[in-house]
Protein backbone atom coordinates (compact mmCIF):
# COMPACT_ATOMS: atom_id res chain seq x y z
CA MET A 1 -63.81 37.85 98.58
CA ASP A 2 -65.85 40.11 96.31
CA ALA A 3 -65.46 42.94 98.80
CA TYR A 4 -61.70 42.41 98.99
CA LEU A 5 -61.53 42.40 95.20
CA ILE A 6 -63.30 45.75 95.02
CA TYR A 7 -60.89 47.25 97.57
CA ALA A 8 -57.90 45.74 95.70
CA VAL A 9 -59.04 47.32 92.43
CA CYS A 10 -59.39 50.71 94.09
CA ILE A 11 -55.95 50.42 95.72
CA SER A 12 -54.45 49.48 92.36
CA ALA A 13 -56.19 52.46 90.80
CA TRP A 14 -54.68 54.72 93.46
CA LEU A 15 -51.19 53.36 92.76
CA LEU A 16 -51.73 53.84 89.03
CA MET A 17 -52.66 57.46 89.69
CA MET A 18 -49.73 58.27 91.98
CA GLY A 19 -47.03 56.10 90.43
CA PRO A 20 -46.10 58.21 87.36
CA ALA A 21 -45.66 61.48 89.26
CA VAL A 22 -43.74 59.87 92.15
CA ILE A 23 -41.40 58.01 89.79
CA TYR A 24 -40.82 61.19 87.81
CA VAL A 25 -39.87 63.16 90.91
CA ARG A 26 -37.43 60.43 91.95
CA THR A 27 -35.83 59.87 88.53
CA GLY A 28 -37.09 62.05 85.68
CA TRP A 29 -36.69 65.33 87.53
CA VAL A 30 -33.09 64.50 88.39
CA ALA A 31 -32.32 63.59 84.78
CA ARG A 32 -33.90 66.82 83.51
CA ILE A 33 -31.93 69.03 85.88
CA GLU A 34 -28.70 67.19 85.15
CA ARG A 35 -29.29 67.59 81.40
CA ILE A 36 -29.70 71.35 81.79
CA ARG A 37 -26.64 71.60 84.03
CA SER A 38 -24.57 69.65 81.51
CA LEU A 39 -25.45 72.23 78.84
CA LEU A 40 -24.68 75.18 81.09
CA THR A 41 -20.92 74.86 81.27
CA PRO A 42 -18.89 77.38 83.32
CA GLU A 43 -18.43 79.48 80.16
CA TYR A 44 -22.19 79.49 79.55
CA LEU A 45 -22.98 80.37 83.16
CA THR A 46 -20.48 83.22 83.23
CA LYS A 47 -22.07 84.92 80.21
CA TYR A 48 -25.55 84.07 81.47
CA TYR A 49 -24.91 85.79 84.81
CA GLU A 50 -23.37 88.82 83.10
CA LEU A 51 -26.68 89.45 81.32
CA PHE A 52 -29.35 88.21 83.73
CA TRP A 53 -27.66 88.51 87.14
CA PRO A 54 -25.21 91.43 86.82
CA ALA A 55 -24.85 91.70 90.60
CA LEU A 56 -22.56 88.64 90.43
CA LYS A 57 -20.55 89.95 87.49
CA GLY A 58 -16.87 89.29 88.10
CA ALA A 59 -17.48 86.39 90.50
CA SER A 60 -15.43 83.25 90.04
CA ALA A 61 -16.78 80.37 87.97
CA ALA A 62 -17.00 78.22 91.11
CA ASP A 63 -19.07 80.86 92.94
CA ILE A 64 -21.39 81.29 89.95
CA GLU A 65 -21.91 77.54 89.62
CA ALA A 66 -22.63 77.21 93.34
CA ASN A 67 -25.10 80.11 93.18
CA PHE A 68 -26.82 78.56 90.16
CA LYS A 69 -27.24 75.18 91.85
CA GLU A 70 -28.62 76.84 94.99
CA ARG A 71 -31.05 78.99 93.02
CA VAL A 72 -32.33 76.08 90.93
CA SER A 73 -32.85 74.00 94.07
CA ARG A 74 -34.63 76.84 95.86
CA LEU A 75 -36.93 77.86 93.00
CA TYR A 76 -37.48 74.57 91.17
CA GLY A 77 -36.42 71.87 93.64
CA ARG A 78 -38.25 68.61 94.25
CA ARG A 79 -39.63 69.82 97.55
CA HIS A 80 -42.12 71.93 95.58
CA TYR A 81 -43.78 68.66 94.50
CA VAL A 82 -44.36 67.40 98.03
CA LEU A 83 -47.50 69.36 98.94
CA PRO A 84 -49.40 68.93 95.63
CA LEU A 85 -48.51 65.21 95.50
CA ALA A 86 -49.70 64.74 99.09
CA LEU A 87 -52.97 66.54 98.35
CA LEU A 88 -53.44 64.56 95.13
CA GLY A 89 -52.91 61.33 97.05
CA ILE A 90 -55.40 62.32 99.75
CA VAL A 91 -58.08 63.51 97.32
CA THR A 92 -57.69 60.47 95.09
CA ALA A 93 -57.76 58.08 98.05
CA GLY A 94 -60.93 59.72 99.34
CA ALA A 95 -62.62 59.50 95.94
CA LEU A 96 -61.68 55.84 95.46
CA TRP A 97 -62.67 54.97 99.05
CA ALA A 98 -66.09 56.50 98.49
CA THR A 99 -66.35 54.65 95.17
CA ALA A 100 -65.45 51.29 96.74
CA ARG A 101 -67.97 51.66 99.57
CA THR A 102 -70.69 52.82 97.17
CA VAL A 103 -70.09 49.82 94.92
CA LEU A 104 -70.33 47.55 97.97
CA ALA A 105 -73.67 49.12 98.81
CA TRP A 106 -74.95 48.91 95.23
CA THR A 107 -74.01 45.21 94.99
CA GLU A 108 -75.54 44.60 98.46
CA LEU A 109 -72.27 43.18 99.78
CA ARG A 110 -72.55 45.62 102.68
CA SER A 111 -76.01 46.53 103.90
CA ASP A 112 -74.72 48.92 106.58
CA ILE A 113 -73.22 51.41 104.10
CA HIS A 114 -75.11 54.37 102.72
CA PRO A 115 -74.06 54.84 99.05
CA ALA A 116 -72.89 58.15 97.72
CA PRO A 117 -74.99 59.82 95.00
CA ALA A 118 -74.45 58.23 91.61
CA MET A 119 -73.75 61.56 89.97
CA ALA A 120 -70.97 62.36 92.42
CA ILE A 121 -69.34 58.96 91.89
CA ALA A 122 -69.62 59.31 88.10
CA ALA A 123 -68.02 62.76 88.26
CA LEU A 124 -65.14 61.53 90.45
CA LEU A 125 -64.49 58.55 88.18
CA GLY A 126 -64.51 60.86 85.17
CA ALA A 127 -61.94 63.08 86.89
CA TYR A 128 -59.88 60.02 87.76
CA ILE A 129 -59.79 58.92 84.12
CA TRP A 130 -58.74 62.35 82.87
CA VAL A 131 -56.03 62.91 85.51
CA THR A 132 -54.64 59.38 85.16
CA GLN A 133 -54.47 59.70 81.37
CA ASP A 134 -52.74 63.05 81.76
CA GLN A 135 -50.25 61.56 84.24
CA LEU A 136 -49.45 58.58 82.00
CA THR A 137 -48.94 60.84 78.98
CA ARG A 138 -46.60 63.10 80.94
CA PHE A 139 -44.75 60.09 82.34
CA ARG A 140 -44.03 58.91 78.81
CA THR A 141 -42.62 62.29 77.79
CA MET A 142 -41.10 63.05 81.23
CA ASP A 143 -43.00 66.32 81.28
CA PHE A 144 -44.25 66.86 84.82
CA THR A 145 -44.27 70.31 86.33
CA VAL A 146 -45.54 71.32 89.74
CA HIS A 147 -48.38 73.15 87.99
CA ASP A 148 -49.49 69.88 86.34
CA VAL A 149 -49.77 68.13 89.71
CA TRP A 150 -51.73 71.03 91.18
CA GLY A 151 -53.97 70.81 88.11
CA GLY A 152 -54.85 67.21 89.00
CA VAL A 153 -55.89 68.24 92.51
CA TYR A 154 -57.96 71.09 91.14
CA ARG A 155 -59.69 68.76 88.69
CA PHE A 156 -60.93 66.49 91.50
CA MET A 157 -62.15 69.47 93.51
CA LEU A 158 -63.97 70.91 90.49
CA VAL A 159 -65.87 68.01 88.95
CA VAL A 160 -68.61 67.28 91.49
CA PRO A 161 -70.04 70.83 91.75
CA LEU A 162 -69.55 71.24 88.00
CA ALA A 163 -71.47 68.02 87.29
CA TYR A 164 -74.42 69.08 89.44
CA SER A 165 -74.43 72.54 87.89
CA LEU A 166 -74.50 71.26 84.32
CA ALA A 167 -76.99 68.51 85.16
CA ALA A 168 -79.46 71.16 86.27
CA ILE A 169 -79.40 72.60 82.75
CA PHE A 170 -80.02 69.31 80.94
CA ARG A 171 -82.56 66.56 81.46
CA GLU A 172 -82.38 64.74 84.81
CA GLU A 173 -81.70 61.30 83.27
CA ALA A 174 -78.66 62.71 81.46
CA GLY A 175 -77.01 63.81 84.70
CA VAL A 176 -74.98 60.68 85.51
CA PRO A 177 -73.67 60.04 81.95
CA LEU A 178 -72.85 63.74 81.58
CA ALA A 179 -70.95 63.77 84.87
CA PHE A 180 -68.78 60.89 83.70
CA ILE A 181 -68.28 62.22 80.15
CA LEU A 182 -66.89 65.47 81.56
CA GLY A 183 -63.75 63.45 82.27
CA ALA A 184 -62.95 63.38 78.57
CA PHE A 185 -62.43 67.15 78.35
CA PRO A 186 -59.46 69.25 79.52
CA THR A 187 -60.00 71.46 82.54
CA LYS A 188 -59.43 74.67 80.55
CA PHE A 189 -62.16 73.64 78.10
CA LEU A 190 -64.59 72.96 80.95
CA MET A 191 -63.94 76.37 82.50
CA THR A 192 -64.42 78.08 79.14
CA SER A 193 -67.69 76.20 78.60
CA MET A 194 -68.94 77.20 82.06
CA ARG A 195 -68.26 80.86 81.34
CA ARG A 196 -70.03 80.70 78.00
CA ILE A 197 -73.09 78.91 79.39
CA GLY A 198 -73.25 81.31 82.32
CA ALA A 199 -72.94 84.34 80.04
CA LYS A 200 -75.69 83.01 77.80
CA ARG A 201 -78.07 82.18 80.65
CA LEU A 202 -77.48 85.49 82.41
CA SER A 203 -77.49 87.51 79.18
CA LEU A 204 -73.97 88.74 79.81
CA GLY A 205 -71.48 89.60 77.12
CA GLU A 206 -68.48 87.30 76.95
CA SER A 207 -65.34 89.34 77.52
CA GLU A 208 -62.86 86.56 76.98
CA GLU A 209 -60.57 87.02 74.01
CA THR A 210 -60.97 84.11 71.64
CA GLY A 211 -58.34 85.06 69.06
CA ALA A 212 -55.31 82.91 68.35
CA SER A 213 -52.26 83.42 70.52
CA GLU A 214 -49.60 85.75 69.14
CA LEU A 215 -46.98 83.12 70.00
CA VAL A 216 -48.18 80.68 67.33
CA GLN A 217 -46.80 83.09 64.72
CA LEU A 218 -43.33 81.83 65.63
CA GLN A 219 -42.19 78.95 63.48
CA CYS A 220 -42.47 75.53 65.17
CA VAL A 221 -44.63 76.92 68.00
CA GLY A 222 -47.98 75.13 67.95
CA LYS A 223 -51.09 75.69 70.01
CA SER A 224 -49.95 73.40 72.83
CA HIS A 225 -46.56 75.16 73.04
CA ALA A 226 -48.26 78.56 73.12
CA GLU A 227 -50.59 77.41 75.90
CA ARG A 228 -47.65 76.17 77.96
CA PHE A 229 -45.86 79.50 77.53
CA GLU A 230 -49.06 81.36 78.48
CA ASP A 231 -49.57 79.16 81.55
CA GLU A 232 -46.20 80.41 82.78
CA GLY A 233 -47.05 84.06 82.09
CA TYR A 234 -45.40 84.54 78.68
CA LEU A 235 -48.27 85.97 76.67
CA SER A 236 -46.52 87.84 73.87
CA VAL A 237 -43.59 87.43 71.51
CA ALA A 238 -41.82 90.38 73.15
CA GLN A 239 -41.94 88.66 76.53
CA ILE A 240 -40.28 85.59 75.04
CA ALA A 241 -37.64 87.70 73.28
CA TRP A 242 -36.23 89.27 76.43
CA ALA A 243 -36.90 86.53 78.98
CA ASP A 244 -34.48 84.39 80.97
CA PRO A 245 -34.02 81.21 78.86
CA VAL A 246 -33.05 79.07 81.83
CA ASP A 247 -36.12 80.19 83.75
CA ILE A 248 -38.38 79.45 80.76
CA THR A 249 -36.81 76.01 80.31
CA LEU A 250 -37.25 75.01 83.94
CA ARG A 251 -40.80 76.34 84.18
CA THR A 252 -42.13 74.97 80.89
CA ASN A 253 -40.02 71.79 80.70
CA PHE A 254 -39.24 72.55 77.05
CA ASN A 255 -35.95 71.58 75.48
CA PHE A 256 -33.29 74.21 76.23
CA TYR A 257 -32.40 74.79 72.58
CA PHE A 258 -36.06 74.94 71.58
CA VAL A 259 -36.39 77.88 73.98
CA PHE A 260 -33.26 79.41 72.49
CA ASP A 261 -34.73 79.09 69.00
CA CYS A 262 -38.01 80.68 70.08
CA GLN A 263 -36.09 83.62 71.51
CA ASN A 264 -33.98 83.83 68.36
CA GLN A 265 -37.12 84.18 66.26
CA ALA A 266 -38.82 86.52 68.71
CA LEU A 267 -35.93 89.01 68.69
CA LEU A 268 -36.37 89.54 64.95
CA TRP A 269 -40.17 89.33 65.09
CA VAL A 270 -40.47 92.32 67.44
CA TYR A 271 -38.80 94.46 64.74
CA LEU A 272 -40.47 93.04 61.62
CA GLY A 273 -43.70 91.60 63.01
CA GLY A 274 -45.63 89.04 61.02
CA GLN A 275 -43.84 90.16 57.83
CA VAL A 276 -40.83 88.11 58.90
CA LYS A 277 -42.51 85.03 57.41
CA GLY A 278 -42.00 86.56 53.98
CA VAL A 279 -38.20 86.47 54.33
CA TYR A 280 -37.79 82.94 55.67
CA ARG A 281 -36.73 81.92 52.14
CA TYR A 282 -33.74 84.25 52.45
CA SER A 283 -32.60 82.61 55.72
CA LEU A 284 -33.80 85.61 57.72
CA ARG A 285 -35.57 83.54 60.35
CA GLY A 286 -34.25 85.09 63.54
CA ALA A 287 -31.69 87.33 65.22
CA GLN A 288 -28.80 84.95 64.63
CA GLU A 289 -29.52 84.78 60.91
CA ALA A 290 -29.69 88.58 60.79
CA THR A 291 -26.27 88.74 62.42
CA TYR A 292 -24.88 86.25 59.91
CA LEU A 293 -26.27 88.19 56.95
CA LEU A 294 -24.52 91.36 58.16
CA GLU A 295 -21.31 89.38 58.57
CA ARG A 296 -21.56 88.17 54.97
CA LEU A 297 -22.13 91.74 53.75
CA GLN A 298 -18.72 92.68 55.22
CA SER A 299 -16.91 89.62 53.89
CA ALA A 300 -13.73 90.12 51.85
CA ASP A 301 -14.79 87.28 49.58
CA GLU A 302 -16.60 88.79 46.62
CA ALA A 303 -18.84 85.76 46.01
CA THR A 304 -19.99 85.72 49.64
CA LYS A 305 -20.58 89.47 49.66
CA LYS A 306 -22.46 89.34 46.36
CA GLY A 307 -24.76 86.58 47.64
CA ALA A 308 -25.46 88.53 50.84
CA THR A 309 -26.21 91.72 48.86
CA SER A 310 -28.66 89.79 46.71
CA ASP A 311 -30.36 88.28 49.78
CA LEU A 312 -30.66 91.72 51.39
CA ALA A 313 -32.20 93.22 48.26
CA SER A 314 -34.67 90.35 47.89
CA ALA A 315 -35.63 90.52 51.55
CA ALA A 316 -36.14 94.30 51.39
CA LYS A 317 -38.36 93.87 48.35
CA ALA A 318 -40.42 91.18 50.11
CA LEU A 319 -40.83 93.48 53.12
CA ASN A 320 -41.53 96.56 50.96
CA MET A 321 -38.62 98.37 52.61
CA GLU A 322 -35.59 100.27 51.41
CA GLU A 323 -32.40 98.21 51.56
CA ASP A 324 -30.69 100.74 53.82
CA ALA A 325 -33.67 100.75 56.16
CA LEU A 326 -33.67 96.96 56.40
CA GLN A 327 -29.93 96.86 56.95
CA GLY A 328 -30.30 99.41 59.73
CA THR A 329 -33.07 97.35 61.32
CA LEU A 330 -30.96 94.21 61.16
CA ALA A 331 -28.08 96.12 62.77
CA GLU A 332 -30.39 97.05 65.66
CA VAL A 333 -31.29 93.38 66.05
CA ARG A 334 -27.62 92.35 65.90
CA ASP A 335 -26.58 94.87 68.55
CA ASP A 336 -29.28 93.81 71.02
CA PRO A 337 -27.53 92.32 74.11
CA TYR A 338 -29.87 89.32 73.98
CA THR A 339 -28.91 88.63 70.37
CA LYS A 340 -25.25 88.74 71.32
CA PHE A 341 -25.97 86.33 74.16
CA LEU A 342 -27.70 83.85 71.85
CA CYS A 343 -24.95 84.07 69.25
CA GLU A 344 -22.23 83.53 71.83
CA LEU A 345 -23.90 80.52 73.41
CA TRP A 346 -25.30 78.68 70.40
CA PRO A 347 -23.22 75.49 70.01
CA GLU A 348 -20.92 74.85 67.11
CA LYS A 349 -19.36 71.61 65.93
CA VAL A 350 -15.72 71.29 66.94
CA ASP A 351 -13.93 68.01 66.17
CA GLY A 352 -17.25 66.18 66.08
CA SER A 353 -18.42 67.40 69.49
CA VAL A 354 -20.76 70.23 70.40
CA GLN A 355 -18.98 73.18 71.98
CA PRO A 356 -20.26 76.58 73.14
CA GLY A 357 -19.16 79.45 71.00
CA PRO A 358 -20.16 82.08 68.44
CA ILE A 359 -22.56 80.97 65.78
CA ARG A 360 -20.72 80.05 62.60
CA ARG A 361 -21.79 78.95 59.16
CA PRO A 362 -19.62 77.31 56.48
CA ALA A 363 -17.65 79.88 54.50
CA PRO A 364 -15.16 79.66 51.63
CA ASP A 365 -11.62 78.92 52.82
CA ASN A 366 -10.25 82.16 51.40
CA ALA A 367 -12.86 84.16 53.31
CA SER A 368 -12.42 82.58 56.71
CA ALA A 369 -9.60 84.82 57.87
CA ALA A 370 -11.26 87.95 56.56
CA ALA A 371 -14.59 87.05 58.14
CA SER A 372 -12.94 86.80 61.56
CA ASP A 373 -12.01 90.49 61.29
CA GLY A 374 -15.52 91.53 60.28
CA PRO A 375 -18.46 92.60 62.43
CA THR A 376 -18.51 89.25 64.25
CA ALA A 377 -15.55 90.38 66.33
CA ALA A 378 -17.47 93.41 67.50
CA VAL A 379 -20.67 91.50 68.04
CA HIS A 380 -19.11 88.86 70.24
CA GLN A 381 -16.86 91.00 72.39
């Protein structure tokens, strides 16, 4: 019975490891794709294809929607999860099988079994704890990507040789505890530590850049967000500014409008750099806000125009720029095709529901008609 109990615990551990990812692929992935499709209405998709897939410009809405569904399925479909999930299941089953048989040998329930080295078992159990915790966290937030599943497989393949390598540096009696404790650290941290230890032991200079990511200069982008962007190949603000927002959303699993906001900020940041933080107080946070300020400058309502002129002057002073120079820079931002795309697709409230359309802000009633004849008409054509 003790032997059966050990096997039952290991089987339960295997199910706990595989359950979150499998359930996500069956339910969470479907919900995520449907949520994105619900946001990308035919009007959205038409404008999206005009900018990012001009070869289909002029195609019917039905053809564009069919092409979009086929492309999403081909590039991001659930079948991409099959191989990493199968490998994760095999590697985890092997590790837990070796653990069960080793425990049987250690407890003398089976005298015919040769136990695996304690350090190897400790390393595998440490990897199991880290990967399972990562899976459970992602299950709670419904944030599984194919890369994350591959990362779990890689972690199991990495830990045993890593444990033996690090144990050779420290005292022999610390080997087993160290192998298990490695499970508490992220894989990226372990790889960085290996490079640093190797460079120190071999008297090599460390070439890795340790500075903060440029992406964290965008408002609301923390270290974890920047790392996710970088994992998908977006290393700079400029790359974010002119990237495909649908592609970023599907690859990073970020909220669609969070990606839009990051691009909105990035489009202004590439012109003003880090100085843009100095004009947040004047509502110059991104490309959409720059477009709105220029609209207000052309308003027929004197109060609106006066407020915009004051904001422009204050922003120019904060940036140590001439007003004309700043206005010209903002015009360049406004006329960028990606800015026009963001402004056209940002939702606005219509009768209590969210509808796609040009970005609008509240304006005095007597200025509404005049504002519609201003630069917005040119921007959104």
